[in-house]
N, C-alpha and C. Protein backbone atom coordinates (compact mmCIF):
# COMPACT_ATOMS: atom_id res chain seq x y z
N MET A 1 18.97 -12.60 -18.49
CA MET A 1 18.91 -11.35 -19.28
C MET A 1 17.41 -10.91 -19.26
N TRP A 2 17.21 -9.77 -18.73
CA TRP A 2 15.82 -9.14 -18.65
C TRP A 2 15.70 -8.04 -19.62
N ASP A 3 14.79 -8.11 -20.57
CA ASP A 3 14.47 -6.96 -21.45
C ASP A 3 13.47 -6.10 -20.81
N ASP A 4 13.49 -4.75 -21.20
CA ASP A 4 12.40 -3.79 -20.54
C ASP A 4 11.12 -4.05 -21.20
N LYS A 5 10.12 -4.07 -20.39
CA LYS A 5 8.69 -4.45 -20.97
C LYS A 5 7.73 -3.67 -20.13
N PRO A 6 6.55 -3.29 -20.63
CA PRO A 6 5.62 -2.58 -19.71
C PRO A 6 5.09 -3.20 -18.55
N GLU A 7 4.95 -4.67 -18.67
CA GLU A 7 4.40 -5.44 -17.38
C GLU A 7 5.53 -5.39 -16.32
N ALA A 8 6.69 -5.01 -16.58
CA ALA A 8 7.73 -5.05 -15.62
C ALA A 8 7.74 -3.85 -14.67
N TRP A 9 7.04 -2.88 -15.07
CA TRP A 9 6.97 -1.60 -14.26
C TRP A 9 5.58 -1.67 -13.35
N HIS A 10 5.80 -1.00 -12.14
CA HIS A 10 4.71 -0.99 -11.12
C HIS A 10 4.80 0.39 -10.46
N GLU A 11 3.67 0.95 -10.44
CA GLU A 11 3.57 2.31 -9.81
C GLU A 11 3.42 1.97 -8.28
N ILE A 12 4.37 2.57 -7.52
CA ILE A 12 4.34 2.25 -5.97
C ILE A 12 3.84 3.38 -5.19
N GLN A 13 3.68 4.47 -5.92
CA GLN A 13 2.91 5.72 -5.40
C GLN A 13 2.84 6.63 -6.54
N PRO A 14 1.86 7.62 -6.55
CA PRO A 14 1.71 8.50 -7.62
C PRO A 14 2.98 9.11 -7.99
N GLY A 15 3.31 8.93 -9.25
CA GLY A 15 4.41 9.53 -9.95
C GLY A 15 5.72 8.76 -9.78
N VAL A 16 5.79 7.68 -9.05
CA VAL A 16 6.90 6.78 -8.76
C VAL A 16 6.74 5.36 -9.40
N GLN A 17 7.48 4.94 -10.24
CA GLN A 17 7.45 3.68 -10.78
C GLN A 17 8.74 2.86 -10.48
N ARG A 18 8.57 1.55 -10.35
CA ARG A 18 9.68 0.61 -9.83
C ARG A 18 9.65 -0.39 -10.90
N ARG A 19 10.86 -0.94 -11.27
CA ARG A 19 11.06 -2.07 -12.09
C ARG A 19 12.19 -2.83 -11.41
N ILE A 20 11.91 -4.13 -11.25
CA ILE A 20 13.00 -5.14 -10.72
C ILE A 20 13.88 -5.39 -11.89
N LEU A 21 15.17 -4.91 -11.95
CA LEU A 21 16.02 -5.15 -13.07
C LEU A 21 16.44 -6.68 -13.10
N ALA A 22 16.99 -7.11 -12.06
CA ALA A 22 17.52 -8.36 -11.98
C ALA A 22 17.48 -8.94 -10.57
N HIS A 23 17.48 -10.26 -10.40
CA HIS A 23 17.39 -10.85 -9.04
C HIS A 23 17.75 -12.30 -9.11
N ASP A 24 18.33 -12.69 -8.07
CA ASP A 24 18.53 -14.00 -7.63
C ASP A 24 18.31 -14.26 -6.07
N SER A 25 18.73 -15.25 -5.54
CA SER A 25 18.49 -15.43 -4.10
C SER A 25 19.30 -14.49 -3.15
N THR A 26 20.41 -13.77 -3.73
CA THR A 26 21.21 -13.12 -2.96
C THR A 26 21.17 -11.56 -3.14
N VAL A 27 20.71 -11.03 -4.33
CA VAL A 27 20.68 -9.70 -4.69
C VAL A 27 19.59 -9.45 -5.51
N MET A 28 19.11 -8.21 -5.48
CA MET A 28 18.14 -7.47 -6.29
C MET A 28 18.33 -6.13 -6.61
N MET A 29 18.21 -5.70 -7.92
CA MET A 29 18.26 -4.31 -8.36
C MET A 29 16.98 -3.83 -8.73
N VAL A 30 16.70 -2.60 -8.49
CA VAL A 30 15.45 -1.91 -8.67
C VAL A 30 15.66 -0.53 -9.30
N LEU A 31 14.98 -0.16 -10.47
CA LEU A 31 14.97 1.06 -10.99
C LEU A 31 13.75 1.78 -10.74
N GLN A 32 13.85 3.15 -10.45
CA GLN A 32 12.63 3.73 -9.83
C GLN A 32 12.74 5.28 -10.06
N GLY A 33 11.74 6.03 -10.34
CA GLY A 33 11.66 7.41 -10.34
C GLY A 33 11.90 8.13 -9.13
N GLY A 34 12.23 9.41 -9.14
CA GLY A 34 12.62 10.00 -7.78
C GLY A 34 12.23 11.50 -7.64
N GLY A 35 12.80 12.19 -6.53
CA GLY A 35 12.44 13.40 -6.26
C GLY A 35 13.16 13.82 -5.01
N LEU A 36 12.28 14.23 -4.00
CA LEU A 36 12.69 14.61 -2.67
C LEU A 36 12.86 13.23 -1.93
N PHE A 37 14.02 13.02 -1.31
CA PHE A 37 14.45 11.89 -0.70
C PHE A 37 14.60 12.02 0.86
N GLU A 38 13.97 11.32 1.72
CA GLU A 38 14.07 11.42 3.09
C GLU A 38 14.56 10.25 3.85
N VAL A 39 15.59 10.24 4.53
CA VAL A 39 16.24 9.06 5.24
C VAL A 39 16.46 9.60 6.63
N GLY A 40 15.67 8.68 7.58
CA GLY A 40 15.76 9.18 8.94
C GLY A 40 15.35 10.48 9.18
N SER A 41 16.20 11.32 9.83
CA SER A 41 15.78 12.77 9.91
C SER A 41 16.49 13.75 8.99
N GLU A 42 17.04 13.07 7.88
CA GLU A 42 17.65 14.07 6.94
C GLU A 42 16.76 13.94 5.67
N THR A 43 16.81 15.12 4.85
CA THR A 43 15.92 15.23 3.61
C THR A 43 16.91 15.92 2.48
N TRP A 44 16.93 15.47 1.40
CA TRP A 44 17.61 16.06 0.10
C TRP A 44 16.92 15.71 -1.02
N THR A 45 17.41 16.52 -2.00
CA THR A 45 16.89 16.28 -3.42
C THR A 45 17.99 15.46 -4.16
N LEU A 46 17.63 14.37 -4.74
CA LEU A 46 18.58 13.66 -5.54
C LEU A 46 18.99 14.38 -6.58
N LYS A 47 20.27 14.33 -7.07
CA LYS A 47 20.87 15.05 -8.17
C LYS A 47 21.44 14.03 -9.12
N VAL A 48 21.62 14.28 -10.34
CA VAL A 48 22.45 13.39 -11.15
C VAL A 48 23.77 13.00 -10.58
N GLY A 49 24.06 11.90 -10.47
CA GLY A 49 25.32 11.38 -9.99
C GLY A 49 25.33 11.16 -8.49
N SER A 50 24.19 11.38 -7.78
CA SER A 50 24.06 11.24 -6.32
C SER A 50 24.11 9.69 -6.00
N SER A 51 24.55 9.37 -4.83
CA SER A 51 24.58 8.10 -4.39
C SER A 51 24.51 8.03 -2.82
N TYR A 52 23.93 6.91 -2.14
CA TYR A 52 23.63 7.00 -0.86
C TYR A 52 23.56 5.51 -0.42
N THR A 53 23.69 5.20 0.92
CA THR A 53 23.40 4.07 1.61
C THR A 53 22.29 4.27 2.60
N ILE A 54 21.48 3.28 2.89
CA ILE A 54 20.41 3.30 3.87
C ILE A 54 20.73 2.11 4.76
N PRO A 55 21.20 2.46 6.11
CA PRO A 55 21.22 1.20 6.98
C PRO A 55 19.96 0.45 7.23
N GLY A 56 20.12 -0.73 7.47
CA GLY A 56 18.84 -1.56 7.70
C GLY A 56 18.08 -1.09 8.78
N GLY A 57 16.69 -1.08 8.56
CA GLY A 57 15.84 -0.61 9.63
C GLY A 57 15.69 0.82 9.81
N VAL A 58 16.27 1.69 8.90
CA VAL A 58 16.03 3.13 9.13
C VAL A 58 14.95 3.59 7.98
N ALA A 59 13.91 4.26 8.54
CA ALA A 59 12.80 4.78 7.80
C ALA A 59 13.31 5.68 6.80
N HIS A 60 12.77 5.37 5.53
CA HIS A 60 13.10 6.22 4.33
C HIS A 60 11.84 6.44 3.43
N GLU A 61 11.87 7.64 2.54
CA GLU A 61 10.66 7.91 1.73
C GLU A 61 11.14 8.73 0.66
N LEU A 62 10.58 8.40 -0.54
CA LEU A 62 10.81 9.18 -1.82
C LEU A 62 9.55 9.86 -2.16
N ARG A 63 9.58 11.23 -2.38
CA ARG A 63 8.40 11.99 -2.66
C ARG A 63 8.64 12.43 -4.13
N ALA A 64 7.87 11.84 -5.24
CA ALA A 64 8.19 12.28 -6.53
C ALA A 64 8.06 13.68 -6.98
N ASP A 65 8.82 14.06 -7.77
CA ASP A 65 8.82 15.59 -8.41
C ASP A 65 8.74 15.40 -9.86
N ALA A 66 7.40 15.63 -10.37
CA ALA A 66 7.36 15.48 -11.80
C ALA A 66 8.20 16.44 -12.61
N LYS A 67 8.60 17.61 -12.00
CA LYS A 67 9.31 18.56 -12.73
C LYS A 67 10.72 18.10 -13.04
N THR A 68 11.33 17.35 -12.14
CA THR A 68 12.73 16.86 -12.20
C THR A 68 12.78 15.32 -12.03
N PRO A 69 12.36 14.62 -13.03
CA PRO A 69 12.51 13.14 -12.94
C PRO A 69 13.89 12.76 -12.80
N THR A 70 13.91 11.74 -11.79
CA THR A 70 15.23 11.07 -11.49
C THR A 70 15.26 9.71 -11.51
N ILE A 71 16.28 9.07 -11.98
CA ILE A 71 16.37 7.60 -12.05
C ILE A 71 17.28 7.06 -10.93
N VAL A 72 16.77 6.18 -10.04
CA VAL A 72 17.53 5.75 -9.03
C VAL A 72 17.73 4.13 -9.06
N LEU A 73 18.91 3.68 -8.70
CA LEU A 73 19.12 2.20 -8.84
C LEU A 73 19.33 1.79 -7.42
N ASP A 74 18.36 1.07 -6.83
CA ASP A 74 18.43 0.44 -5.59
C ASP A 74 19.14 -0.94 -5.74
N VAL A 75 19.97 -1.29 -4.89
CA VAL A 75 20.54 -2.70 -4.83
C VAL A 75 20.28 -3.23 -3.46
N PHE A 76 19.61 -4.32 -3.46
CA PHE A 76 19.29 -4.98 -2.11
C PHE A 76 20.08 -6.31 -2.00
N THR A 77 20.68 -6.40 -0.85
CA THR A 77 21.32 -7.89 -0.61
C THR A 77 21.12 -8.04 0.99
N PRO A 78 20.56 -9.00 1.28
CA PRO A 78 19.74 -10.04 0.42
C PRO A 78 18.63 -9.41 -0.34
N ARG A 79 18.07 -10.08 -1.23
CA ARG A 79 17.05 -9.56 -2.08
C ARG A 79 15.82 -9.40 -1.23
N ARG A 80 14.97 -8.50 -1.63
CA ARG A 80 13.64 -8.15 -0.80
C ARG A 80 12.64 -9.07 -1.25
N GLU A 81 12.27 -10.09 -0.44
CA GLU A 81 11.28 -11.08 -0.87
C GLU A 81 9.89 -10.47 -1.03
N GLU A 82 9.60 -9.30 -0.47
CA GLU A 82 8.42 -8.74 -0.59
C GLU A 82 8.20 -8.08 -2.05
N PHE A 83 9.31 -7.96 -2.77
CA PHE A 83 9.13 -7.46 -4.09
C PHE A 83 9.10 -8.47 -5.24
N LEU A 84 9.25 -9.66 -4.94
CA LEU A 84 9.32 -10.79 -5.86
C LEU A 84 8.09 -10.89 -6.66
N HIS A 85 6.91 -10.49 -6.14
CA HIS A 85 5.70 -10.61 -6.98
C HIS A 85 5.82 -9.48 -8.18
N GLU A 86 6.76 -8.58 -8.11
CA GLU A 86 6.65 -7.58 -9.29
C GLU A 86 7.68 -8.10 -10.33
N THR A 87 8.39 -9.10 -10.13
CA THR A 87 9.33 -9.60 -11.13
C THR A 87 8.80 -10.28 -12.28
N VAL A 88 9.53 -10.24 -13.38
CA VAL A 88 8.95 -10.98 -14.55
C VAL A 88 10.12 -11.93 -14.99
N ARG A 89 9.78 -13.09 -15.68
CA ARG A 89 10.70 -14.07 -16.09
C ARG A 89 11.75 -13.57 -16.93
N PRO A 90 12.96 -14.13 -16.93
CA PRO A 90 14.03 -13.52 -17.91
C PRO A 90 13.55 -13.97 -19.28
N ASP A 91 14.07 -13.08 -20.17
CA ASP A 91 13.81 -13.38 -21.58
C ASP A 91 14.92 -14.27 -22.35
N ARG A 92 16.11 -14.29 -21.63
CA ARG A 92 17.04 -15.25 -21.99
C ARG A 92 17.77 -15.71 -20.83
N ALA A 93 18.26 -17.05 -20.86
CA ALA A 93 19.02 -17.53 -19.70
C ALA A 93 20.43 -17.31 -19.72
């Protein structure tokens, strides 16, 4: 069990914050702000209820829009080792 706490949040670019929600050796969930989303050659604005998949190795970028904040849940499997430095210890086992 992970509770929300300020030290769990990391600004990954201006206006975009990420928090690792939960993780183990096979999966990782990340919560992040949003706006204009570009995947490969396609670009769209994320809307409430939007969902998507990104194939491995496809370039993607999120451009924050402070006027229309969006919450995005990214699920990685296997987990992203390069994000582990952002994780915090569980509050309860």
